[in-house]
Protein backbone atom coordinates (compact mmCIF):
# COMPACT_ATOMS: atom_id res chain seq x y z
CA MET A 1 10.84 5.91 -8.01
CA ILE A 2 8.21 6.60 -10.48
CA ARG A 3 4.69 7.78 -9.83
CA THR A 4 2.43 5.97 -12.23
CA GLY A 5 -0.59 8.02 -11.86
CA ILE A 6 -2.63 4.79 -11.43
CA ILE A 7 -4.99 4.59 -8.55
CA ARG A 8 -7.21 1.75 -7.20
CA LYS A 9 -9.21 1.02 -4.14
CA ILE A 10 -8.82 -1.71 -1.73
CA ASP A 11 -11.71 -4.25 -1.87
CA GLU A 12 -13.71 -5.71 0.78
CA LEU A 13 -11.34 -8.78 0.93
CA GLY A 14 -8.35 -6.53 1.24
CA ARG A 15 -7.11 -7.15 -2.46
CA ILE A 16 -5.77 -4.79 -4.88
CA THR A 17 -5.85 -5.28 -8.54
CA ILE A 18 -2.31 -4.84 -10.10
CA PRO A 19 -2.59 -2.88 -13.40
CA SER A 20 -1.98 -5.34 -16.42
CA GLY A 21 0.64 -3.04 -17.96
CA ILE A 22 2.75 -3.02 -14.65
CA CYS A 23 2.32 -6.88 -14.38
CA GLY A 24 3.39 -7.28 -18.16
CA SER A 25 6.39 -5.05 -17.70
CA LEU A 26 7.46 -6.76 -14.66
CA GLY A 27 7.00 -10.61 -15.94
CA ILE A 28 4.16 -11.02 -13.40
CA VAL A 29 1.78 -13.80 -14.92
CA ASN A 30 -1.56 -13.80 -13.54
CA GLY A 31 -2.40 -16.97 -11.86
CA VAL A 32 1.13 -18.19 -11.83
CA SER A 33 3.60 -15.61 -10.47
CA SER A 34 4.23 -15.55 -6.66
CA ILE A 35 4.78 -12.02 -5.13
CA ASP A 36 6.77 -11.28 -2.06
CA VAL A 37 5.44 -8.31 0.10
CA TRP A 38 7.25 -6.30 2.77
CA LEU A 39 6.84 -2.92 4.38
CA GLN A 40 9.23 -0.05 3.38
CA ASP A 41 8.57 3.18 5.18
CA ASP A 42 4.52 3.86 4.80
CA MET A 43 4.33 1.79 1.50
CA VAL A 44 3.66 -1.83 0.63
CA ALA A 45 6.40 -3.21 -1.47
CA LEU A 46 5.65 -6.19 -3.99
CA LYS A 47 8.27 -8.13 -6.07
CA ARG A 48 8.00 -11.17 -7.90
CA THR A 49 9.38 -13.96 -5.68
CA GLU A 50 12.00 -14.92 -8.20
CA GLU A 51 13.43 -11.52 -8.34
CA SER A 52 13.26 -10.68 -4.55
CA ASN A 53 16.13 -10.42 -2.42
CA GLN A 54 14.15 -9.00 0.30
CA ASN A 55 13.33 -10.62 3.71
CA ALA A 56 9.33 -10.75 2.66
CA LEU A 57 6.84 -10.79 5.45
CA TYR A 58 4.79 -12.69 3.10
CA SER A 59 4.84 -14.47 -0.31
CA ARG A 60 1.43 -15.04 -2.07
CA LEU A 61 0.14 -15.94 -5.69
CA ILE A 62 -1.52 -13.22 -7.61
CA ASP A 63 -4.76 -14.72 -8.72
CA ARG A 64 -6.01 -15.10 -12.55
CA ASN A 65 -7.64 -11.55 -12.57
CA GLY A 66 -4.51 -9.88 -11.32
CA ARG A 67 -5.58 -9.39 -7.88
CA TYR A 68 -3.34 -9.67 -5.00
CA ILE A 69 -4.38 -9.89 -1.24
CA ILE A 70 -2.50 -7.48 0.88
CA PRO A 71 -1.88 -9.38 4.24
CA LYS A 72 -4.23 -8.15 7.08
CA GLU A 73 -1.43 -7.31 9.44
CA ILE A 74 0.11 -4.88 6.75
CA ARG A 75 -3.45 -3.47 5.96
CA VAL A 76 -4.19 -2.79 9.58
CA ARG A 77 -0.59 -1.22 10.03
CA LEU A 78 -0.83 1.24 7.44
CA GLY A 79 -4.67 1.87 7.55
CA LEU A 80 -5.53 0.25 4.33
CA ASP A 81 -9.17 -0.55 4.98
CA TYR A 82 -11.90 -1.36 2.50
CA GLY A 83 -12.48 1.38 0.03
CA VAL A 84 -9.22 3.28 0.74
CA VAL A 85 -7.61 4.83 -2.34
CA ILE A 86 -4.05 3.57 -3.16
CA GLU A 87 -1.56 4.73 -5.78
CA PHE A 88 1.13 2.60 -7.57
CA PHE A 89 4.58 3.53 -8.03
CA LEU A 90 7.32 1.61 -9.46
CA ASP A 91 11.29 1.51 -9.05
CA GLU A 92 12.97 -1.00 -11.17
CA LYS A 93 11.22 -4.32 -10.58
CA THR A 94 9.33 -3.40 -7.43
CA ILE A 95 5.66 -2.26 -7.27
CA PHE A 96 5.14 0.26 -4.27
CA VAL A 97 1.52 0.93 -3.01
CA LYS A 98 0.78 3.77 -0.93
CA ARG A 99 -2.50 5.73 0.24
CA SER A 100 -3.25 8.17 -2.48
CA LEU A 101 -4.62 10.81 0.05
CA PRO A 102 -3.21 12.60 2.90
CA TYR A 103 -4.54 11.06 6.34
CA CYS A 104 -3.90 11.56 10.04
CA LYS A 105 -1.28 9.32 11.14
CA LEU A 106 -3.07 8.50 14.38
CA CYS A 107 -6.79 7.59 13.54
CA TYR A 108 -6.54 7.50 9.68
CA THR A 109 -9.29 10.23 8.97
CA THR A 110 -8.81 12.39 6.03
CA GLU A 111 -10.69 15.38 7.48
CA ASN A 112 -9.17 18.58 9.25
CA LEU A 113 -5.70 17.77 8.87
CA VAL A 114 -2.84 19.64 9.99
CA ARG A 115 0.78 19.10 8.61
CA ILE A 116 3.52 18.42 11.31
CA THR A 117 7.04 17.30 10.98
CA SER A 118 6.26 13.61 10.90
CA GLY A 119 3.17 13.74 8.70
CA ASP A 120 -0.23 14.88 8.98
CA ILE A 121 -2.35 14.54 12.01
CA CYS A 122 -6.19 15.71 12.31
CA LYS A 123 -7.06 18.60 14.69
CA LYS A 124 -8.78 16.22 17.12
CA CYS A 125 -5.87 14.11 17.59
CA GLY A 126 -3.73 17.03 17.89
CA SER A 127 -5.93 18.61 20.68
CA GLU A 128 -5.80 15.35 22.49
CA ALA A 129 -2.09 15.17 22.33
CA ALA A 130 -1.59 18.61 23.40
CA LYS A 131 -3.97 17.87 26.36
CA ALA A 132 -1.81 14.79 27.49
CA LEU A 133 1.20 16.96 27.40
């Protein structure tokens, strides 16, 4: 998987703008191409429907401006709210979208994080978890 170094923000409607260079290299045509979407680990995976052999959760058209609406169910599950910074990765013909900043796996804050085996959690959630044990 290749890190592109391209970052974007989720807009107020849950859309991301897929960079034109990525669209062009994968044969994605704005306003024409349908994109399959599924979850892979903590990432959103996107692939042209014609190229996809995945059990896609959704298939949607990319709009004429290169925007794609990430389904709400996926946004909620991964904490991809309005304004969240995401980063693009590529692997052959698949686009992967992932949160760019470390965040608490429980409450999605980016402040006061502590690294644990399964990822990052904030000190507040860590304290609450310790009290519950």
